[in-house]
Amino acid sequence: MEYKMMENGFQTEFDYGKLDISSDDQHGFRPYALLVSSVAVCSGGVLRKVLKKMRVDFDDINIKADVKRNPNIADRVEEINLHFTIYGKDIPEKKVEKAMELTRKNCSMVQSVLDSIKVEETFELK
């Protein structure tokens, strides 16, 4: 990856397209938002795969991420609480509990930040 300085931040290009990154959200995605998004979406993608492998039928998954930052230490991200809402009919709660355990173990982004950021996952079935 290569990042090029722009007037209000940095830009990089991927196969999918360009990504503008800036501490000013008027000029790009904020670094902390990308960090939290990486953890949340990686977890969601792994959860989807695990549920499918477990043959759990579901209609949709939504993820809410609450973030705790420390204003006294450079606004660092200290905690990410992920709440998964899984939509579907007659979803077995025990299977989802097991899927959540497997998701945590197999999400590369969660595993990457585990020693520095507290990550908690909860879920509800609807």
Protein backbone atom coordinates (compact mmCIF):
# COMPACT_ATOMS: atom_id res chain seq x y z
CA MET A 1 0.00 0.00 0.00
CA GLU A 2 1.12 3.48 -0.77
CA TYR A 3 -0.35 6.70 0.63
CA LYS A 4 0.03 10.05 -1.09
CA MET A 5 -0.26 13.33 0.76
CA MET A 6 -3.09 15.56 -0.39
CA GLU A 7 -4.02 19.07 0.77
CA ASN A 8 -6.22 17.81 3.62
CA GLY A 9 -5.01 14.28 4.30
CA PHE A 10 -3.79 11.24 2.40
CA GLN A 11 -5.09 9.13 -0.44
CA THR A 12 -4.49 5.55 -1.47
CA GLU A 13 -5.83 3.44 -4.28
CA PHE A 14 -7.07 -0.13 -4.21
CA ASP A 15 -8.58 -2.37 -6.87
CA TYR A 16 -12.04 -1.25 -5.72
CA GLY A 17 -11.22 2.47 -5.86
CA LYS A 18 -9.63 5.43 -4.10
CA LEU A 19 -9.69 5.95 -0.37
CA ASP A 20 -9.34 9.45 1.09
CA ILE A 21 -8.20 9.58 4.71
CA SER A 22 -8.19 12.74 6.82
CA SER A 23 -8.53 13.83 10.43
CA ASP A 24 -11.21 16.20 9.10
CA ASP A 25 -14.28 14.19 8.13
CA GLN A 26 -15.14 16.81 5.49
CA HIS A 27 -12.16 15.57 3.46
CA GLY A 28 -12.07 11.83 3.98
CA PHE A 29 -12.59 8.92 6.31
CA ARG A 30 -11.17 9.46 9.78
CA PRO A 31 -8.48 6.97 10.82
CA TYR A 32 -10.35 5.88 13.97
CA ALA A 33 -13.51 5.24 11.91
CA LEU A 34 -11.52 3.02 9.55
CA LEU A 35 -10.05 1.13 12.51
CA VAL A 36 -13.46 0.52 14.09
CA SER A 37 -14.99 -0.34 10.71
CA SER A 38 -12.25 -2.89 10.07
CA VAL A 39 -12.93 -4.64 13.37
CA ALA A 40 -16.72 -4.53 12.97
CA VAL A 41 -16.94 -5.60 9.34
CA CYS A 42 -14.28 -8.30 9.68
CA SER A 43 -16.28 -9.74 12.59
CA GLY A 44 -19.51 -9.50 10.64
CA GLY A 45 -18.04 -11.21 7.60
CA VAL A 46 -16.59 -14.04 9.67
CA LEU A 47 -19.87 -14.42 11.58
CA ARG A 48 -21.79 -14.70 8.31
CA LYS A 49 -19.43 -17.43 7.04
CA VAL A 50 -19.55 -19.34 10.32
CA LEU A 51 -23.37 -19.23 10.50
CA LYS A 52 -23.61 -20.47 6.91
CA LYS A 53 -21.18 -23.32 7.61
CA MET A 54 -23.27 -24.22 10.67
CA ARG A 55 -26.33 -24.24 8.40
CA VAL A 56 -28.07 -21.54 10.41
CA ASP A 57 -30.68 -19.79 8.28
CA PHE A 58 -30.80 -16.03 8.78
CA ASP A 59 -32.04 -13.08 6.75
CA ASP A 60 -29.72 -10.25 7.77
CA ILE A 61 -27.05 -9.09 10.20
CA ASN A 62 -26.67 -5.53 11.47
CA ILE A 63 -23.73 -4.39 13.59
CA LYS A 64 -23.68 -1.46 16.00
CA ALA A 65 -20.25 -0.37 17.19
CA ASP A 66 -19.85 1.73 20.33
CA VAL A 67 -16.37 3.12 20.83
CA LYS A 68 -14.67 4.34 23.98
CA ARG A 69 -11.77 6.71 23.39
CA ASN A 70 -9.34 8.21 25.90
CA PRO A 71 -9.10 11.99 25.46
CA ASN A 72 -6.12 12.12 27.84
CA ILE A 73 -3.97 9.84 25.67
CA ALA A 74 -4.23 11.14 22.10
CA ASP A 75 -7.91 10.10 21.88
CA ARG A 76 -6.78 6.50 21.51
CA VAL A 77 -9.40 3.81 21.00
CA GLU A 78 -9.56 1.75 24.19
CA GLU A 79 -12.75 -0.22 23.77
CA ILE A 80 -14.99 -1.37 20.93
CA ASN A 81 -18.34 -2.90 21.80
CA LEU A 82 -19.93 -4.70 18.88
CA HIS A 83 -23.62 -5.57 19.06
CA PHE A 84 -24.86 -7.92 16.35
CA THR A 85 -28.57 -8.03 15.54
CA ILE A 86 -29.28 -11.22 13.61
CA TYR A 87 -32.61 -11.35 11.80
CA GLY A 88 -34.38 -14.55 10.97
CA LYS A 89 -36.90 -17.10 12.09
CA ASP A 90 -36.25 -19.82 14.68
CA ILE A 91 -32.50 -19.16 14.95
CA PRO A 92 -30.99 -21.46 17.63
CA GLU A 93 -29.38 -19.24 20.28
CA LYS A 94 -26.82 -21.90 21.32
CA LYS A 95 -25.52 -22.15 17.76
CA VAL A 96 -25.14 -18.38 17.57
CA GLU A 97 -23.22 -18.38 20.88
CA LYS A 98 -20.81 -20.93 19.42
CA ALA A 99 -20.61 -18.94 16.17
CA MET A 100 -19.70 -15.81 18.15
CA GLU A 101 -16.83 -17.67 19.86
CA LEU A 102 -15.54 -18.90 16.50
CA THR A 103 -15.91 -15.43 15.01
CA ARG A 104 -13.73 -13.86 17.70
CA LYS A 105 -11.03 -16.52 17.22
CA ASN A 106 -11.03 -16.21 13.42
CA CYS A 107 -11.40 -12.48 12.81
CA SER A 108 -7.95 -11.20 11.88
CA MET A 109 -8.77 -7.60 12.84
CA VAL A 110 -10.00 -8.54 16.34
CA GLN A 111 -6.96 -10.73 16.84
CA SER A 112 -4.69 -7.89 15.66
CA VAL A 113 -5.93 -5.38 18.26
CA LEU A 114 -6.68 -7.72 21.15
CA ASP A 115 -3.64 -6.75 23.24
CA SER A 116 -4.34 -3.02 23.01
CA ILE A 117 -8.11 -2.58 22.56
CA LYS A 118 -10.82 -4.28 24.57
CA VAL A 119 -13.29 -5.81 22.11
CA GLU A 120 -16.63 -7.10 23.36
CA GLU A 121 -19.30 -8.77 21.28
CA THR A 122 -22.98 -9.21 22.10
CA PHE A 123 -25.91 -10.32 19.99
CA GLU A 124 -29.66 -10.41 19.82
CA LEU A 125 -31.99 -12.41 17.62
CA LYS A 126 -34.95 -10.81 15.88
